[in-house]
Each structure stands twice: as structure tokens, then as C-alpha cells.
Amino acid sequence: MRCPFCRAEDDKVVDSRAGDDGASIRRRRECLACKRRYTTYERIERQALIVLKKEGGREPFDRDKIKRGLARACWKRPVAAEDIESVVSDLEAALYGEYEGEVPSPVIGERLMELLRELDQVAYVRFASVYREFKDVRDFVEELEPILAEAEREQG
């Protein structure tokens, strides 16, 4: 492992702990040359999932692409980066548990919407508006009606 600051190869592990509900190991390292600290993650290497796109194409599953989409949906919302990482990890674990090799993109979109709905309802609606390609305000209202009905039942 090279230091990201000075590119030296000698470092020491200062702290190790499990992350992502045991699916990864987070290590704090200190460079022995420049004394700066940095974090690395160790994950199990799995056979890559291939996403079957709606248009018929295929592309590798990209957790960073999903994180970027979630970050856009959660922009200016009280959602921590750790919460977004947790959603992506939960999604990834579920997909690897249920699919071997290929997963249809609609499955990914629907799962993300379920997870986002629990995390932040505004982020959920933002994500849904892009994912479901809302055309006008009526589409937003149709998406919000079940959420509002559920909120009324919980209050009533």
C-alpha cells in the first residue's frame, strides 16, 4: 500500500474495525515516512454483477454511480454520508445474495426507492421523479398520495 500523500510504501495500521455490517474492514494507517494518516477499506472480492439495462445493454454494477445518484437525491437534506453508504451496502448485499451474474436495472431502482423511502421521504420523491421519469406535477401528486395516506394513518 502506497501513501496517498508521499507515495512511500511503509506504513503501519493504527486502527482496524469492521464496517458495512461486517462486509468490510476499515483500517486507519499512518505513513512511516511523512507521518500522515489515511483510511483504507478491505472488501471481499466477488464476481462482478452485470446490470441489464432497460434498453438491452449491459454494464458492470457500479456502487460509486449509485452513491452519486443517492447523493444528488439527498442534496441539502439531513442525510449523513454514512447513511448513503449504508443504503448502498444494504443494496449490494441484497443483490449479491439474490442474483448471480446479472441483475435487471429495474430491480436496482425499485430497491433503492424502498431504502430511500425509509431514509428520507423528500430524497425518495426526488429519486422517484428521475427514476420514473415524471412528466408533470400530477406524477408527483400520485407518488405522494400513498406517503401522505400512510402519515395520516400513523397520526390518526
N, C-alpha and C. Protein backbone atom coordinates (compact mmCIF):
# COMPACT_ATOMS: atom_id res chain seq x y z
N MET A 1 0.86 -1.18 0.00
CA MET A 1 0.00 0.00 0.00
C MET A 1 0.90 1.23 0.00
N ARG A 2 0.68 2.12 -0.94
CA ARG A 2 1.46 3.38 -1.00
C ARG A 2 0.71 4.50 -0.31
N CYS A 3 1.45 5.36 0.35
CA CYS A 3 0.86 6.54 1.00
C CYS A 3 0.29 7.45 -0.10
N PRO A 4 -0.95 7.91 0.04
CA PRO A 4 -1.53 8.77 -0.98
C PRO A 4 -0.91 10.17 -1.00
N PHE A 5 -0.12 10.51 0.02
CA PHE A 5 0.46 11.85 0.11
C PHE A 5 1.90 11.88 -0.42
N CYS A 6 2.74 10.95 0.07
CA CYS A 6 4.15 10.99 -0.33
C CYS A 6 4.57 9.80 -1.18
N ARG A 7 3.66 8.85 -1.38
CA ARG A 7 3.86 7.66 -2.21
C ARG A 7 4.84 6.65 -1.61
N ALA A 8 5.23 6.82 -0.34
CA ALA A 8 6.11 5.85 0.32
C ALA A 8 5.34 4.54 0.54
N GLU A 9 6.07 3.43 0.61
CA GLU A 9 5.42 2.13 0.75
C GLU A 9 5.32 1.65 2.19
N ASP A 10 6.00 2.28 3.12
CA ASP A 10 6.00 1.82 4.50
C ASP A 10 4.95 2.55 5.32
N ASP A 11 4.06 1.76 5.94
CA ASP A 11 3.05 2.34 6.81
C ASP A 11 2.78 1.38 7.95
N LYS A 12 2.02 1.84 8.92
CA LYS A 12 1.59 0.95 9.99
C LYS A 12 0.09 1.14 10.19
N VAL A 13 -0.58 0.07 10.58
CA VAL A 13 -2.01 0.11 10.85
C VAL A 13 -2.19 0.62 12.27
N VAL A 14 -2.93 1.72 12.41
CA VAL A 14 -3.17 2.34 13.70
C VAL A 14 -4.45 1.80 14.33
N ASP A 15 -5.47 1.52 13.49
CA ASP A 15 -6.76 1.05 13.99
C ASP A 15 -7.44 0.22 12.91
N SER A 16 -8.10 -0.86 13.31
CA SER A 16 -8.88 -1.69 12.39
C SER A 16 -10.23 -1.94 13.01
N ARG A 17 -11.26 -1.88 12.19
CA ARG A 17 -12.60 -2.23 12.68
C ARG A 17 -13.47 -2.66 11.52
N ALA A 18 -14.48 -3.44 11.86
CA ALA A 18 -15.42 -3.91 10.84
C ALA A 18 -16.30 -2.76 10.40
N GLY A 19 -16.65 -2.75 9.15
CA GLY A 19 -17.57 -1.75 8.60
C GLY A 19 -18.61 -2.44 7.76
N ASP A 20 -19.62 -1.70 7.33
CA ASP A 20 -20.67 -2.24 6.45
C ASP A 20 -21.26 -3.53 7.02
N ASP A 21 -21.55 -3.53 8.30
CA ASP A 21 -22.13 -4.72 8.95
C ASP A 21 -21.28 -5.96 8.75
N GLY A 22 -19.97 -5.80 8.83
CA GLY A 22 -19.07 -6.94 8.74
C GLY A 22 -18.65 -7.29 7.33
N ALA A 23 -19.11 -6.55 6.33
CA ALA A 23 -18.78 -6.86 4.94
C ALA A 23 -17.46 -6.25 4.50
N SER A 24 -16.86 -5.41 5.34
CA SER A 24 -15.58 -4.81 5.00
C SER A 24 -14.80 -4.53 6.28
N ILE A 25 -13.53 -4.22 6.10
CA ILE A 25 -12.68 -3.83 7.23
C ILE A 25 -12.13 -2.44 6.92
N ARG A 26 -12.30 -1.55 7.87
CA ARG A 26 -11.80 -0.18 7.76
C ARG A 26 -10.50 -0.11 8.54
N ARG A 27 -9.44 0.36 7.89
CA ARG A 27 -8.14 0.46 8.56
C ARG A 27 -7.63 1.90 8.50
N ARG A 28 -7.23 2.41 9.66
CA ARG A 28 -6.55 3.71 9.72
C ARG A 28 -5.07 3.39 9.68
N ARG A 29 -4.37 4.03 8.77
CA ARG A 29 -2.94 3.79 8.59
C ARG A 29 -2.16 5.08 8.80
N GLU A 30 -0.91 4.92 9.21
CA GLU A 30 -0.01 6.06 9.34
C GLU A 30 1.23 5.78 8.52
N CYS A 31 1.56 6.72 7.65
CA CYS A 31 2.76 6.60 6.83
C CYS A 31 3.98 6.79 7.73
N LEU A 32 4.95 5.89 7.61
CA LEU A 32 6.14 5.99 8.44
C LEU A 32 7.10 7.07 7.93
N ALA A 33 6.93 7.46 6.67
CA ALA A 33 7.80 8.49 6.10
C ALA A 33 7.31 9.91 6.42
N CYS A 34 6.05 10.20 6.11
CA CYS A 34 5.55 11.58 6.27
C CYS A 34 4.68 11.74 7.52
N LYS A 35 4.35 10.65 8.20
CA LYS A 35 3.56 10.65 9.45
C LYS A 35 2.10 11.05 9.26
N ARG A 36 1.62 11.17 8.02
CA ARG A 36 0.21 11.50 7.81
C ARG A 36 -0.62 10.23 7.87
N ARG A 37 -1.90 10.39 8.22
CA ARG A 37 -2.81 9.26 8.35
C ARG A 37 -3.82 9.24 7.21
N TYR A 38 -4.23 8.02 6.87
CA TYR A 38 -5.25 7.85 5.84
C TYR A 38 -6.03 6.57 6.13
N THR A 39 -7.17 6.43 5.47
CA THR A 39 -8.06 5.29 5.70
C THR A 39 -8.11 4.41 4.45
N THR A 40 -8.08 3.10 4.68
CA THR A 40 -8.28 2.15 3.59
C THR A 40 -9.42 1.22 3.97
N TYR A 41 -10.03 0.62 2.96
CA TYR A 41 -11.11 -0.34 3.16
C TYR A 41 -10.74 -1.63 2.45
N GLU A 42 -11.05 -2.72 3.10
CA GLU A 42 -10.81 -4.04 2.54
C GLU A 42 -12.16 -4.72 2.41
N ARG A 43 -12.49 -5.18 1.18
CA ARG A 43 -13.77 -5.86 0.93
C ARG A 43 -13.51 -7.20 0.27
N ILE A 44 -14.46 -8.09 0.43
CA ILE A 44 -14.39 -9.38 -0.24
C ILE A 44 -14.53 -9.13 -1.73
N GLU A 45 -13.67 -9.74 -2.51
CA GLU A 45 -13.78 -9.60 -3.96
C GLU A 45 -14.75 -10.66 -4.47
N ARG A 46 -15.79 -10.20 -5.09
CA ARG A 46 -16.83 -11.10 -5.60
C ARG A 46 -16.86 -11.04 -7.11
N GLN A 47 -17.52 -12.04 -7.69
CA GLN A 47 -17.75 -11.99 -9.13
C GLN A 47 -18.59 -10.74 -9.40
N ALA A 48 -18.16 -9.93 -10.31
CA ALA A 48 -18.86 -8.68 -10.59
C ALA A 48 -20.27 -8.95 -11.11
N LEU A 49 -21.22 -8.17 -10.59
CA LEU A 49 -22.58 -8.22 -11.12
C LEU A 49 -22.64 -7.41 -12.40
N ILE A 50 -23.42 -7.86 -13.32
CA ILE A 50 -23.66 -7.13 -14.56
C ILE A 50 -25.09 -6.62 -14.51
N VAL A 51 -25.28 -5.34 -14.79
CA VAL A 51 -26.59 -4.73 -14.77
C VAL A 51 -27.18 -4.81 -16.18
N LEU A 52 -28.38 -5.40 -16.26
CA LEU A 52 -29.09 -5.47 -17.53
C LEU A 52 -29.94 -4.21 -17.65
N LYS A 53 -29.57 -3.32 -18.55
CA LYS A 53 -30.26 -2.04 -18.71
C LYS A 53 -31.61 -2.23 -19.40
N LYS A 54 -32.51 -1.24 -19.18
CA LYS A 54 -33.85 -1.30 -19.78
C LYS A 54 -33.78 -1.36 -21.31
N GLU A 55 -32.80 -0.65 -21.88
CA GLU A 55 -32.68 -0.59 -23.35
C GLU A 55 -32.03 -1.84 -23.93
N GLY A 56 -31.60 -2.77 -23.06
CA GLY A 56 -31.00 -4.01 -23.55
C GLY A 56 -29.49 -4.09 -23.37
N GLY A 57 -28.85 -2.99 -23.03
CA GLY A 57 -27.40 -3.01 -22.84
C GLY A 57 -27.00 -3.64 -21.52
N ARG A 58 -25.71 -3.84 -21.36
CA ARG A 58 -25.15 -4.40 -20.13
C ARG A 58 -23.99 -3.52 -19.68
N GLU A 59 -23.88 -3.38 -18.34
CA GLU A 59 -22.72 -2.67 -17.79
C GLU A 59 -22.43 -3.22 -16.41
N PRO A 60 -21.17 -3.09 -15.96
CA PRO A 60 -20.83 -3.60 -14.64
C PRO A 60 -21.55 -2.82 -13.53
N PHE A 61 -21.93 -3.52 -12.46
CA PHE A 61 -22.52 -2.87 -11.30
C PHE A 61 -21.49 -1.90 -10.74
N ASP A 62 -21.92 -0.66 -10.50
CA ASP A 62 -21.00 0.39 -10.06
C ASP A 62 -21.56 1.06 -8.81
N ARG A 63 -21.05 0.67 -7.64
CA ARG A 63 -21.56 1.23 -6.39
C ARG A 63 -21.32 2.73 -6.30
N ASP A 64 -20.25 3.23 -6.92
CA ASP A 64 -19.99 4.67 -6.91
C ASP A 64 -21.04 5.44 -7.71
N LYS A 65 -21.50 4.87 -8.81
CA LYS A 65 -22.55 5.50 -9.61
C LYS A 65 -23.83 5.60 -8.78
N ILE A 66 -24.14 4.56 -8.04
CA ILE A 66 -25.34 4.56 -7.18
C ILE A 66 -25.18 5.59 -6.07
N LYS A 67 -24.01 5.65 -5.47
CA LYS A 67 -23.76 6.64 -4.40
C LYS A 67 -23.93 8.06 -4.93
N ARG A 68 -23.45 8.32 -6.15
CA ARG A 68 -23.61 9.67 -6.73
C ARG A 68 -25.08 10.00 -6.94
N GLY A 69 -25.85 9.04 -7.43
CA GLY A 69 -27.29 9.27 -7.63
C GLY A 69 -28.01 9.52 -6.31
N LEU A 70 -27.66 8.76 -5.28
CA LEU A 70 -28.26 8.96 -3.97
C LEU A 70 -27.84 10.31 -3.37
N ALA A 71 -26.59 10.67 -3.56
CA ALA A 71 -26.12 11.96 -3.04
C ALA A 71 -26.88 13.11 -3.70
N ARG A 72 -27.17 13.00 -5.00
CA ARG A 72 -27.96 14.03 -5.68
C ARG A 72 -29.37 14.10 -5.10
N ALA A 73 -29.97 12.94 -4.85
CA ALA A 73 -31.33 12.91 -4.29
C ALA A 73 -31.35 13.46 -2.87
N CYS A 74 -30.27 13.28 -2.13
CA CYS A 74 -30.20 13.70 -0.72
C CYS A 74 -29.57 15.07 -0.54
N TRP A 75 -29.29 15.77 -1.65
CA TRP A 75 -28.63 17.08 -1.58
C TRP A 75 -29.45 18.04 -0.73
N LYS A 76 -28.78 18.69 0.20
CA LYS A 76 -29.38 19.66 1.13
C LYS A 76 -30.48 19.03 2.00
N ARG A 77 -30.35 17.75 2.28
CA ARG A 77 -31.24 17.04 3.19
C ARG A 77 -30.43 16.59 4.39
N PRO A 78 -31.07 16.35 5.53
CA PRO A 78 -30.32 15.93 6.72
C PRO A 78 -29.98 14.43 6.67
N VAL A 79 -29.23 14.06 5.64
CA VAL A 79 -28.84 12.66 5.45
C VAL A 79 -27.31 12.61 5.46
N ALA A 80 -26.77 11.84 6.38
CA ALA A 80 -25.31 11.73 6.52
C ALA A 80 -24.72 10.85 5.41
N ALA A 81 -23.46 11.11 5.10
CA ALA A 81 -22.76 10.29 4.10
C ALA A 81 -22.74 8.83 4.52
N GLU A 82 -22.67 8.58 5.84
CA GLU A 82 -22.68 7.20 6.34
C GLU A 82 -24.02 6.51 6.04
N ASP A 83 -25.11 7.29 6.06
CA ASP A 83 -26.42 6.73 5.75
C ASP A 83 -26.49 6.33 4.27
N ILE A 84 -25.93 7.16 3.41
CA ILE A 84 -25.91 6.84 1.98
C ILE A 84 -25.06 5.59 1.76
N GLU A 85 -23.90 5.52 2.41
CA GLU A 85 -23.03 4.35 2.30
C GLU A 85 -23.75 3.10 2.79
N SER A 86 -24.51 3.23 3.85
CA SER A 86 -25.26 2.10 4.40
C SER A 86 -26.33 1.61 3.42
N VAL A 87 -27.02 2.55 2.77
CA VAL A 87 -28.03 2.17 1.77
C VAL A 87 -27.37 1.41 0.62
N VAL A 88 -26.24 1.91 0.14
CA VAL A 88 -25.54 1.25 -0.96
C VAL A 88 -25.07 -0.14 -0.53
N SER A 89 -24.54 -0.25 0.68
CA SER A 89 -24.07 -1.55 1.18
C SER A 89 -25.23 -2.53 1.34
N ASP A 90 -26.37 -2.05 1.86
CA ASP A 90 -27.54 -2.91 2.01
C ASP A 90 -28.02 -3.40 0.64
N LEU A 91 -28.06 -2.49 -0.32
CA LEU A 91 -28.48 -2.85 -1.67
C LEU A 91 -27.53 -3.89 -2.26
N GLU A 92 -26.24 -3.61 -2.17
CA GLU A 92 -25.24 -4.50 -2.75
C GLU A 92 -25.32 -5.90 -2.11
N ALA A 93 -25.45 -5.96 -0.80
CA ALA A 93 -25.55 -7.26 -0.12
C ALA A 93 -26.78 -8.02 -0.58
N ALA A 94 -27.91 -7.32 -0.71
CA ALA A 94 -29.15 -7.97 -1.15
C ALA A 94 -29.00 -8.49 -2.59
N LEU A 95 -28.40 -7.70 -3.45
CA LEU A 95 -28.25 -8.12 -4.85
C LEU A 95 -27.33 -9.33 -4.97
N TYR A 96 -26.19 -9.30 -4.25
CA TYR A 96 -25.28 -10.44 -4.31
C TYR A 96 -25.91 -11.68 -3.68
N GLY A 97 -26.80 -11.48 -2.72
CA GLY A 97 -27.47 -12.61 -2.10
C GLY A 97 -28.53 -13.25 -2.98
N GLU A 98 -29.12 -12.47 -3.87
CA GLU A 98 -30.23 -12.97 -4.69
C GLU A 98 -29.88 -13.23 -6.15
N TYR A 99 -28.85 -12.57 -6.66
CA TYR A 99 -28.53 -12.69 -8.08
C TYR A 99 -27.10 -13.18 -8.26
N GLU A 100 -26.95 -13.97 -9.30
CA GLU A 100 -25.63 -14.47 -9.62
C GLU A 100 -25.31 -14.05 -11.05
N GLY A 101 -24.41 -13.13 -11.21
CA GLY A 101 -24.01 -12.71 -12.54
C GLY A 101 -24.73 -11.47 -13.05
N GLU A 102 -26.04 -11.56 -13.29
CA GLU A 102 -26.76 -10.45 -13.90
C GLU A 102 -27.99 -10.05 -13.08
N VAL A 103 -28.24 -8.75 -13.01
CA VAL A 103 -29.39 -8.22 -12.29
C VAL A 103 -30.07 -7.16 -13.17
N PRO A 104 -31.38 -7.21 -13.33
CA PRO A 104 -32.09 -6.21 -14.14
C PRO A 104 -32.05 -4.83 -13.45
N SER A 105 -31.83 -3.78 -14.20
CA SER A 105 -31.75 -2.43 -13.62
C SER A 105 -33.04 -2.02 -12.90
N PRO A 106 -34.24 -2.42 -13.36
CA PRO A 106 -35.45 -2.04 -12.60
C PRO A 106 -35.45 -2.58 -11.17
N VAL A 107 -34.84 -3.72 -10.95
CA VAL A 107 -34.74 -4.28 -9.60
C VAL A 107 -33.92 -3.34 -8.72
N ILE A 108 -32.83 -2.84 -9.26
CA ILE A 108 -31.96 -1.93 -8.51
C ILE A 108 -32.71 -0.64 -8.19
N GLY A 109 -33.38 -0.07 -9.17
CA GLY A 109 -34.12 1.18 -8.96
C GLY A 109 -35.22 1.03 -7.92
N GLU A 110 -35.98 -0.05 -7.99
CA GLU A 110 -37.08 -0.25 -7.03
C GLU A 110 -36.54 -0.48 -5.62
N ARG A 111 -35.46 -1.25 -5.50
CA ARG A 111 -34.86 -1.48 -4.17
C ARG A 111 -34.34 -0.17 -3.59
N LEU A 112 -33.70 0.63 -4.42
CA LEU A 112 -33.19 1.92 -3.93
C LEU A 112 -34.33 2.81 -3.45
N MET A 113 -35.44 2.79 -4.18
CA MET A 113 -36.57 3.61 -3.77
C MET A 113 -37.13 3.14 -2.44
N GLU A 114 -37.20 1.83 -2.22
CA GLU A 114 -37.67 1.30 -0.93
C GLU A 114 -36.76 1.77 0.20
N LEU A 115 -35.45 1.65 0.00
CA LEU A 115 -34.49 2.04 1.04
C LEU A 115 -34.53 3.55 1.29
N LEU A 116 -34.65 4.33 0.22
CA LEU A 116 -34.71 5.79 0.36
C LEU A 116 -35.99 6.25 1.04
N ARG A 117 -37.07 5.56 0.77
CA ARG A 117 -38.35 5.94 1.39
C ARG A 117 -38.26 5.86 2.91
N GLU A 118 -37.53 4.87 3.42
CA GLU A 118 -37.32 4.73 4.86
C GLU A 118 -36.34 5.78 5.40
N LEU A 119 -35.39 6.17 4.57
CA LEU A 119 -34.34 7.09 4.99
C LEU A 119 -34.79 8.55 5.00
N ASP A 120 -35.38 9.02 3.90
CA ASP A 120 -35.78 10.42 3.78
C ASP A 120 -36.82 10.53 2.67
N GLN A 121 -38.02 10.97 3.01
CA GLN A 121 -39.11 10.99 2.05
C GLN A 121 -38.91 12.00 0.92
N VAL A 122 -38.27 13.13 1.21
CA VAL A 122 -38.01 14.11 0.15
C VAL A 122 -37.00 13.55 -0.84
N ALA A 123 -35.95 12.93 -0.32
CA ALA A 123 -34.95 12.31 -1.20
C ALA A 123 -35.60 11.20 -2.03
N TYR A 124 -36.51 10.47 -1.41
CA TYR A 124 -37.24 9.41 -2.11
C TYR A 124 -38.00 9.98 -3.30
N VAL A 125 -38.73 11.07 -3.08
CA VAL A 125 -39.53 11.66 -4.17
C VAL A 125 -38.62 12.22 -5.25
N ARG A 126 -37.52 12.83 -4.86
CA ARG A 126 -36.55 13.33 -5.85
C ARG A 126 -36.05 12.18 -6.72
N PHE A 127 -35.64 11.11 -6.06
CA PHE A 127 -35.11 9.95 -6.79
C PHE A 127 -36.19 9.36 -7.69
N ALA A 128 -37.40 9.21 -7.16
CA ALA A 128 -38.51 8.64 -7.93
C ALA A 128 -38.82 9.49 -9.15
N SER A 129 -38.73 10.82 -9.01
CA SER A 129 -39.06 11.69 -10.13
C SER A 129 -38.12 11.48 -11.31
N VAL A 130 -36.86 11.18 -11.01
CA VAL A 130 -35.90 10.92 -12.09
C VAL A 130 -36.04 9.48 -12.57
N TYR A 131 -36.09 8.54 -11.63
CA TYR A 131 -36.15 7.12 -11.98
C TYR A 131 -37.41 6.79 -12.79
N ARG A 132 -38.54 7.31 -12.35
CA ARG A 132 -39.81 7.02 -13.04
C ARG A 132 -40.14 8.04 -14.12
N GLU A 133 -39.24 8.97 -14.34
CA GLU A 133 -39.37 9.97 -15.42
C GLU A 133 -40.69 10.72 -15.35
N PHE A 134 -40.91 11.40 -14.21
CA PHE A 134 -42.13 12.19 -14.06
C PHE A 134 -42.23 13.22 -15.17
N LYS A 135 -43.43 13.36 -15.71
CA LYS A 135 -43.65 14.30 -16.82
C LYS A 135 -44.24 15.62 -16.35
N ASP A 136 -45.07 15.58 -15.29
CA ASP A 136 -45.68 16.81 -14.80
C ASP A 136 -46.01 16.67 -13.31
N VAL A 137 -46.67 17.69 -12.77
CA VAL A 137 -46.97 17.74 -11.34
C VAL A 137 -47.88 16.60 -10.92
N ARG A 138 -48.76 16.15 -11.79
CA ARG A 138 -49.66 15.04 -11.45
C ARG A 138 -48.88 13.79 -11.06
N ASP A 139 -47.75 13.57 -11.72
CA ASP A 139 -46.92 12.41 -11.38
C ASP A 139 -46.39 12.52 -9.95
N PHE A 140 -46.01 13.73 -9.54
CA PHE A 140 -45.56 13.95 -8.17
C PHE A 140 -46.69 13.68 -7.18
N VAL A 141 -47.87 14.19 -7.50
CA VAL A 141 -49.03 14.02 -6.61
C VAL A 141 -49.35 12.53 -6.45
N GLU A 142 -49.33 11.79 -7.55
CA GLU A 142 -49.62 10.35 -7.49
C GLU A 142 -48.59 9.62 -6.63
N GLU A 143 -47.36 10.05 -6.66
CA GLU A 143 -46.31 9.42 -5.86
C GLU A 143 -46.46 9.79 -4.38
N LEU A 144 -46.92 11.02 -4.13
CA LEU A 144 -47.05 11.49 -2.75
C LEU A 144 -48.30 10.98 -2.04
N GLU A 145 -49.35 10.67 -2.77
CA GLU A 145 -50.61 10.25 -2.14
C GLU A 145 -50.44 9.08 -1.17
N PRO A 146 -49.75 7.99 -1.54
CA PRO A 146 -49.59 6.89 -0.58
C PRO A 146 -48.76 7.29 0.65
N ILE A 147 -47.79 8.15 0.46
CA ILE A 147 -46.96 8.61 1.58
C ILE A 147 -47.80 9.43 2.55
N LEU A 148 -48.62 10.33 2.00
CA LEU A 148 -49.49 11.16 2.85
C LEU A 148 -50.54 10.32 3.56
N ALA A 149 -51.10 9.33 2.88
CA ALA A 149 -52.10 8.46 3.50
C ALA A 149 -51.48 7.66 4.64
N GLU A 150 -50.26 7.20 4.44
CA GLU A 150 -49.56 6.45 5.49
C GLU A 150 -49.27 7.34 6.70
N ALA A 151 -48.87 8.58 6.44
CA ALA A 151 -48.60 9.53 7.54
C ALA A 151 -49.87 9.82 8.32
N GLU A 152 -51.01 9.95 7.64
CA GLU A 152 -52.28 10.19 8.31
C GLU A 152 -52.69 9.00 9.18
N ARG A 153 -52.45 7.78 8.67
CA ARG A 153 -52.77 6.58 9.45
C ARG A 153 -51.91 6.51 10.72
N GLU A 154 -50.66 6.87 10.60
CA GLU A 154 -49.76 6.83 11.76
C GLU A 154 -50.13 7.89 12.80
N GLN A 155 -50.65 9.04 12.35
CA GLN A 155 -51.05 10.10 13.28
C GLN A 155 -52.42 9.82 13.90
N GLY A 156 -53.31 9.19 13.10
CA GLY A 156 -54.71 9.00 13.48
C GLY A 156 -54.88 7.98 14.53
